[in-house]
Amino acid sequence: MPTIIEVAAMARVSTATVSRVLSQPDRVAEPTRDRVLAVVRELGYAPNVAARTLRTLRAAKILLTVPDISNPFFASVIRGAEEAARDAGYAVVLGDTRHDPEVEDQYAAMLSRREVDGMIFLGHRLPESLRVVVSRDGAPIVNGCEYSPELGVSGVYIDNEAAATDMMEHLIALGHRDIGLVTGPPISPLTHHRQSAALLTAARHGIADRVHVHVGDYSAQSGFEQTQALLARGVSAIFCFSDEMAFGAISAVAAAGLSCPDDVSVAGFDDLPLARFYQPALTTIAQPKAQIGRKAVELLMETLRRDETGIQQVTLPHELLVRGSTAAYRGKGQ
């Protein structure tokens, strides 16, 4: 196995610099950091985690929980987080909570028992067992994807209200007035932010009473089912709050003997890898998924290094990607 001395020699730096790159990367100049990490990867160097744990009384592990590991959106977020954690010398313990509060608490207990040094949760619920800890002492906990000030922890996300506004403006500019929304569960802050922005945009254009809201659960099945109901209302465009639901919506349009986008435009949210290859290619909101994961780890590392409890909220940019699933309204009259 390669040693830290060999890494330092090949990268032309001291062993202390190698150690700092792996444990405190933000404190090393970017060219030096990149050179050291390139050598680390080339040699396959792995820090002696057991020895470091004995010295620092830290586990060198972070916990990352997701509400639904089968949702492809989280795969890219997890990958970004895992890469950033590995570069910082930490391993990632992954937990699938399946939207179950009891499972969330079971994983959260790992932090309480110090089996992990910190926790990132990709959902809207802070485990109940950690609420007292956060409110009393603060804790090395970061939220990814969903912003809620009531959580009292640092977070990384996009501006969901601005993103939903952009998509509604796009559909309205195409001439659509009877628009369906397929939202996520009402308990989710994502649903609230996207839905409120979509309805406010419709109101500004005087079509609030022509927007029909149907509740989904981010799955393709719910997108299919809710689209069937929306087609019965005569909508000409459907904005789904996830790409998965949008895929289901396009299938429902085809099953009804209609064409997307000639008869009904469909838009999604997330920009999953399949979105640009789907037929038709999906108009959607792109989230910087891997960057969300990386930034969440960076925030957690800052907390662990400084032993501070200051809350940081980081908003990353989104992008409206217009593809083949949306087109100008072709019906008669409005």
Protein backbone atom coordinates (compact mmCIF):
# COMPACT_ATOMS: atom_id res chain seq x y z
CA MET A 1 0.00 0.00 0.00
CA PRO A 2 1.33 3.50 -0.81
CA THR A 3 2.28 5.71 2.12
CA ILE A 4 1.70 9.40 2.80
CA ILE A 5 5.46 9.90 2.37
CA GLU A 6 5.26 8.54 -1.18
CA VAL A 7 2.27 10.77 -1.96
CA ALA A 8 4.10 13.84 -0.62
CA ALA A 9 7.24 13.05 -2.61
CA MET A 10 5.38 12.53 -5.87
CA ALA A 11 3.27 15.67 -5.37
CA ARG A 12 6.34 17.69 -4.28
CA VAL A 13 4.78 18.80 -0.99
CA SER A 14 5.21 17.98 2.69
CA THR A 15 3.37 15.16 4.43
CA ALA A 16 1.60 17.83 6.48
CA THR A 17 0.23 19.35 3.28
CA VAL A 18 -1.06 15.96 2.13
CA SER A 19 -2.77 15.48 5.47
CA ARG A 20 -4.27 18.97 5.28
CA VAL A 21 -5.59 18.36 1.75
CA LEU A 22 -7.38 15.24 2.96
CA SER A 23 -8.77 16.69 6.18
CA GLN A 24 -9.01 20.45 5.57
CA PRO A 25 -9.04 20.95 1.77
CA ASP A 26 -10.35 24.54 1.94
CA ARG A 27 -7.12 25.58 3.67
CA VAL A 28 -4.91 24.52 0.78
CA ALA A 29 -4.44 26.51 -2.43
CA GLU A 30 -6.42 25.02 -5.29
CA PRO A 31 -3.45 24.16 -7.59
CA THR A 32 -1.68 22.36 -4.74
CA ARG A 33 -4.87 20.63 -3.63
CA ASP A 34 -5.60 19.41 -7.15
CA ARG A 35 -2.04 18.13 -7.58
CA VAL A 36 -2.12 16.20 -4.31
CA LEU A 37 -5.55 14.70 -5.01
CA ALA A 38 -4.38 13.62 -8.47
CA VAL A 39 -1.46 11.75 -6.89
CA VAL A 40 -3.74 10.26 -4.22
CA ARG A 41 -5.98 8.85 -6.93
CA GLU A 42 -3.08 7.67 -9.10
CA LEU A 43 -1.40 5.79 -6.26
CA GLY A 44 -4.64 4.64 -4.65
CA TYR A 45 -3.56 6.08 -1.32
CA ALA A 46 -5.96 5.62 1.61
CA PRO A 47 -5.40 7.36 4.98
CA ASN A 48 -5.05 5.17 8.03
CA VAL A 49 -8.53 5.87 9.32
CA ALA A 50 -8.21 3.67 12.37
CA ALA A 51 -5.12 5.49 13.58
CA ARG A 52 -6.63 8.88 12.89
CA THR A 53 -9.78 7.91 14.77
CA LEU A 54 -7.73 6.98 17.83
CA ARG A 55 -5.90 10.31 17.69
CA THR A 56 -8.93 12.52 17.13
CA LEU A 57 -11.72 10.46 18.73
CA ARG A 58 -13.66 10.85 15.49
CA ALA A 59 -15.20 8.14 13.36
CA ALA A 60 -14.13 9.62 9.99
CA LYS A 61 -17.62 8.77 8.74
CA ILE A 62 -20.65 10.86 7.86
CA LEU A 63 -24.24 9.70 7.63
CA LEU A 64 -26.25 10.53 4.51
CA THR A 65 -29.95 9.70 4.60
CA VAL A 66 -32.38 9.80 1.67
CA PRO A 67 -36.18 9.51 1.85
CA ASP A 68 -36.40 7.17 -1.17
CA ILE A 69 -33.26 5.59 -2.58
CA SER A 70 -35.21 4.29 -5.60
CA ASN A 71 -35.74 7.89 -6.78
CA PRO A 72 -33.07 8.50 -9.46
CA PHE A 73 -32.81 12.18 -8.48
CA PHE A 74 -30.94 11.25 -5.33
CA ALA A 75 -28.34 9.12 -7.14
CA SER A 76 -26.50 12.16 -8.52
CA VAL A 77 -26.73 14.00 -5.19
CA ILE A 78 -25.28 10.96 -3.39
CA ARG A 79 -22.45 10.66 -5.90
CA GLY A 80 -21.46 14.30 -5.47
CA ALA A 81 -21.54 13.96 -1.69
CA GLU A 82 -19.55 10.73 -1.72
CA GLU A 83 -16.83 12.24 -3.92
CA ALA A 84 -16.49 15.30 -1.68
CA ALA A 85 -16.44 13.18 1.46
CA ARG A 86 -13.79 10.87 0.06
CA ASP A 87 -11.59 13.82 -0.89
CA ALA A 88 -11.92 15.05 2.70
CA GLY A 89 -10.90 11.65 4.08
CA TYR A 90 -14.36 10.58 5.21
CA ALA A 91 -16.47 7.55 4.39
CA VAL A 92 -20.22 7.84 3.77
CA VAL A 93 -22.79 5.70 5.55
CA LEU A 94 -25.94 5.70 3.40
CA GLY A 95 -29.39 5.26 4.89
CA ASP A 96 -32.71 4.84 3.05
CA THR A 97 -35.41 6.12 5.44
CA ARG A 98 -38.36 5.32 3.13
CA HIS A 99 -40.27 8.34 4.50
CA ASP A 100 -40.56 6.49 7.82
CA PRO A 101 -39.98 8.66 10.95
CA GLU A 102 -39.01 5.60 12.99
CA VAL A 103 -36.31 4.66 10.48
CA GLU A 104 -35.12 8.27 10.45
CA ASP A 105 -34.69 8.15 14.22
CA GLN A 106 -32.86 4.83 14.01
CA TYR A 107 -30.28 6.34 11.68
CA ALA A 108 -30.11 9.57 13.69
CA ALA A 109 -29.13 7.51 16.75
CA MET A 110 -25.82 6.81 15.00
CA LEU A 111 -24.97 10.50 15.37
CA SER A 112 -26.04 10.54 19.01
CA ARG A 113 -23.82 7.50 19.69
CA ARG A 114 -20.95 9.17 17.78
CA GLU A 115 -20.71 6.30 15.33
CA VAL A 116 -20.60 9.03 12.67
CA ASP A 117 -19.18 12.54 12.94
CA GLY A 118 -21.98 14.36 11.15
CA MET A 119 -25.18 13.91 9.22
CA ILE A 120 -26.67 15.10 5.92
CA PHE A 121 -30.35 14.43 5.34
CA LEU A 122 -31.98 14.82 1.93
CA GLY A 123 -35.57 15.38 2.96
CA HIS A 124 -37.84 17.80 4.75
CA ARG A 125 -37.90 16.17 8.20
CA LEU A 126 -35.25 16.55 10.86
CA PRO A 127 -35.43 13.36 12.96
CA GLU A 128 -37.37 14.07 16.12
CA SER A 129 -34.59 12.72 18.34
CA LEU A 130 -32.22 15.43 17.06
CA ARG A 131 -34.51 18.44 17.42
CA VAL A 132 -33.65 18.97 21.07
CA VAL A 133 -29.93 18.61 20.35
CA VAL A 134 -30.07 21.18 17.54
CA SER A 135 -32.12 23.70 19.52
CA ARG A 136 -29.99 23.30 22.65
CA ASP A 137 -26.42 22.78 21.48
CA GLY A 138 -26.40 22.89 17.72
CA ALA A 139 -25.15 19.82 15.86
CA PRO A 140 -23.09 18.83 12.79
CA ILE A 141 -26.17 18.40 10.62
CA VAL A 142 -26.84 19.71 7.10
CA ASN A 143 -30.00 19.53 5.01
CA GLY A 144 -29.87 19.02 1.26
CA CYS A 145 -32.54 19.88 -1.35
CA GLU A 146 -35.36 21.24 0.84
CA TYR A 147 -35.28 24.62 2.56
CA SER A 148 -37.19 25.11 5.78
CA PRO A 149 -36.03 27.76 8.29
CA GLU A 150 -37.80 25.87 11.07
CA LEU A 151 -35.20 23.11 10.83
CA GLY A 152 -32.52 25.30 12.37
CA VAL A 153 -29.66 23.70 10.39
CA SER A 154 -27.51 24.67 7.42
CA GLY A 155 -28.87 23.74 4.01
CA VAL A 156 -28.18 23.59 0.27
CA TYR A 157 -30.93 23.91 -2.32
CA ILE A 158 -32.14 25.85 -5.36
CA ASP A 159 -34.69 28.66 -5.37
CA ASN A 160 -37.74 26.49 -6.01
CA GLU A 161 -40.08 29.47 -6.21
CA ALA A 162 -38.01 31.13 -8.92
CA ALA A 163 -37.70 27.81 -10.80
CA ALA A 164 -41.45 27.19 -10.77
CA THR A 165 -42.04 30.77 -11.88
CA ASP A 166 -39.69 30.27 -14.83
CA MET A 167 -41.56 27.15 -15.95
CA MET A 168 -44.99 28.76 -15.66
CA GLU A 169 -43.81 31.82 -17.59
CA HIS A 170 -42.53 29.48 -20.30
CA LEU A 171 -45.87 27.67 -20.62
CA ILE A 172 -47.88 30.88 -20.58
CA ALA A 173 -45.60 32.46 -23.19
CA LEU A 174 -46.41 29.50 -25.43
CA GLY A 175 -50.08 30.48 -25.23
CA HIS A 176 -51.27 27.93 -22.67
CA ARG A 177 -53.98 29.07 -20.29
CA ASP A 178 -55.60 25.85 -19.03
CA ILE A 179 -52.67 24.37 -17.15
CA GLY A 180 -52.49 21.38 -14.83
CA LEU A 181 -50.08 21.09 -11.92
CA VAL A 182 -49.06 17.68 -10.61
CA THR A 183 -47.48 18.49 -7.27
CA GLY A 184 -45.65 16.51 -4.63
CA PRO A 185 -47.05 15.67 -1.17
CA PRO A 186 -48.47 18.77 0.60
CA ILE A 187 -46.25 18.17 3.65
CA SER A 188 -43.11 18.87 1.62
CA PRO A 189 -41.69 22.43 1.56
CA LEU A 190 -40.76 21.79 -2.08
CA THR A 191 -44.42 21.36 -2.94
CA HIS A 192 -45.42 24.49 -1.07
CA HIS A 193 -42.74 26.68 -2.66
CA ARG A 194 -43.28 25.44 -6.22
CA GLN A 195 -47.07 25.46 -6.02
CA SER A 196 -47.36 28.91 -4.46
CA ALA A 197 -45.02 30.38 -7.08
CA ALA A 198 -46.89 28.68 -9.94
CA LEU A 199 -50.25 29.98 -8.74
CA LEU A 200 -48.90 33.49 -8.16
CA THR A 201 -47.54 33.52 -11.69
CA ALA A 202 -50.89 32.38 -13.05
CA ALA A 203 -52.63 35.11 -11.04
CA ARG A 204 -50.34 37.78 -12.51
CA HIS A 205 -51.48 36.67 -15.95
CA GLY A 206 -55.14 36.55 -14.94
CA ILE A 207 -55.54 32.79 -15.30
CA ALA A 208 -55.50 31.63 -11.67
CA ASP A 209 -58.94 30.08 -12.02
CA ARG A 210 -57.79 28.04 -15.03
CA VAL A 211 -54.95 26.27 -13.22
CA HIS A 212 -55.89 22.85 -11.85
CA VAL A 213 -53.86 21.38 -8.98
CA HIS A 214 -53.60 17.61 -8.51
CA VAL A 215 -51.44 15.98 -5.84
CA GLY A 216 -48.86 13.34 -6.78
CA ASP A 217 -46.05 11.62 -4.90
CA TYR A 218 -43.11 12.17 -7.31
CA SER A 219 -43.60 8.71 -8.88
CA ALA A 220 -44.29 7.98 -12.56
CA GLN A 221 -47.44 6.12 -11.52
CA SER A 222 -48.90 9.18 -9.80
CA GLY A 223 -47.98 11.32 -12.82
CA PHE A 224 -49.87 8.92 -15.07
CA GLU A 225 -52.95 8.80 -12.85
CA GLN A 226 -53.18 12.53 -12.17
CA THR A 227 -52.69 13.34 -15.85
CA GLN A 228 -55.65 11.15 -16.74
CA ALA A 229 -57.79 13.30 -14.44
CA LEU A 230 -56.31 16.54 -15.80
CA LEU A 231 -56.97 15.54 -19.41
CA ALA A 232 -60.64 15.19 -18.51
CA ARG A 233 -60.52 18.87 -17.48
CA GLY A 234 -59.28 19.88 -20.92
CA VAL A 235 -55.85 21.22 -19.98
CA SER A 236 -53.40 21.97 -22.79
CA ALA A 237 -50.25 21.91 -20.64
CA ILE A 238 -49.15 19.99 -17.55
CA PHE A 239 -46.35 21.02 -15.19
CA CYS A 240 -45.17 18.10 -13.07
CA PHE A 241 -43.04 18.78 -10.01
CA SER A 242 -40.66 15.93 -10.88
CA ASP A 243 -39.36 14.34 -14.07
CA GLU A 244 -40.56 10.94 -12.89
CA MET A 245 -44.14 12.24 -12.78
CA ALA A 246 -43.63 13.95 -16.15
CA PHE A 247 -42.62 10.62 -17.72
CA GLY A 248 -45.86 9.16 -16.39
CA ALA A 249 -47.77 12.15 -17.70
CA ILE A 250 -46.43 11.74 -21.24
CA SER A 251 -47.44 8.08 -21.14
CA ALA A 252 -50.95 9.06 -20.04
CA VAL A 253 -51.22 11.55 -22.91
CA ALA A 254 -50.27 8.81 -25.39
CA ALA A 255 -52.65 6.31 -23.75
CA ALA A 256 -55.47 8.80 -24.27
CA GLY A 257 -54.75 8.86 -28.01
CA LEU A 258 -53.24 12.33 -27.84
CA SER A 259 -49.85 13.69 -28.85
CA CYS A 260 -47.23 15.42 -26.73
CA PRO A 261 -46.63 18.26 -27.43
CA ASP A 262 -49.06 18.73 -30.34
CA ASP A 263 -52.14 18.24 -28.16
CA VAL A 264 -50.74 18.56 -24.64
CA SER A 265 -47.42 20.02 -23.51
CA VAL A 266 -45.72 18.36 -20.55
CA ALA A 267 -42.93 19.79 -18.37
CA GLY A 268 -40.98 18.31 -15.50
CA PHE A 269 -38.54 19.25 -12.77
CA ASP A 270 -35.02 17.90 -11.92
CA ASP A 271 -33.44 17.06 -15.32
CA LEU A 272 -32.84 13.38 -14.67
CA PRO A 273 -30.36 11.69 -17.06
CA LEU A 274 -33.24 10.11 -18.99
CA ALA A 275 -34.97 13.46 -19.58
CA ARG A 276 -33.05 14.43 -22.70
CA PHE A 277 -33.36 10.95 -24.21
CA TYR A 278 -37.09 10.50 -23.56
CA GLN A 279 -39.52 10.78 -26.48
CA PRO A 280 -40.23 13.59 -26.70
CA ALA A 281 -37.22 15.01 -24.89
CA LEU A 282 -38.48 16.57 -21.68
CA THR A 283 -38.66 20.29 -20.98
CA THR A 284 -37.60 20.59 -17.35
CA ILE A 285 -35.86 22.54 -14.60
CA ALA A 286 -32.25 21.41 -14.16
CA GLN A 287 -31.02 21.16 -10.60
CA PRO A 288 -27.25 20.97 -9.96
CA LYS A 289 -27.68 17.61 -8.25
CA ALA A 290 -24.04 16.58 -7.79
CA GLN A 291 -23.15 20.10 -6.69
CA ILE A 292 -25.87 19.96 -4.02
CA GLY A 293 -24.22 16.84 -2.62
CA ARG A 294 -20.73 18.29 -2.74
CA LYS A 295 -21.73 21.58 -1.14
CA ALA A 296 -23.63 19.81 1.62
CA VAL A 297 -20.46 17.91 2.53
CA GLU A 298 -18.40 21.11 2.41
CA LEU A 299 -20.77 22.79 4.85
CA LEU A 300 -20.59 19.78 7.13
CA MET A 301 -16.79 19.75 7.00
CA GLU A 302 -16.70 23.43 7.94
CA THR A 303 -18.86 22.72 10.95
CA LEU A 304 -16.69 19.80 12.02
CA ARG A 305 -13.44 21.74 11.62
CA ARG A 306 -14.55 24.87 13.44
CA ASP A 307 -16.84 23.21 15.98
CA GLU A 308 -19.27 26.07 15.37
CA THR A 309 -23.06 25.99 15.13
CA GLY A 310 -23.59 28.92 12.76
CA ILE A 311 -26.30 28.30 10.18
CA GLN A 312 -25.52 28.78 6.50
CA GLN A 313 -28.09 28.66 3.70
CA VAL A 314 -26.66 28.15 0.21
CA THR A 315 -28.81 28.68 -2.88
CA LEU A 316 -27.45 27.14 -6.06
CA PRO A 317 -28.54 28.13 -9.59
CA HIS A 318 -31.19 26.29 -11.59
CA GLU A 319 -31.78 26.29 -15.34
CA LEU A 320 -34.89 26.09 -17.52
CA LEU A 321 -34.20 23.56 -20.28
CA VAL A 322 -36.65 23.82 -23.15
CA ARG A 323 -36.91 20.61 -25.16
CA GLY A 324 -39.44 18.83 -27.33
CA SER A 325 -42.20 18.10 -24.82
CA THR A 326 -43.55 21.67 -24.81
CA ALA A 327 -44.83 23.63 -27.78
CA ALA A 328 -47.09 26.57 -28.64
CA TYR A 329 -50.80 26.18 -27.93
CA ARG A 330 -52.56 24.90 -31.07
CA GLY A 331 -56.16 24.79 -29.93
CA LYS A 332 -58.99 27.07 -30.90
CA GLY A 333 -59.48 30.19 -28.83
CA GLN A 334 -58.63 30.76 -25.22
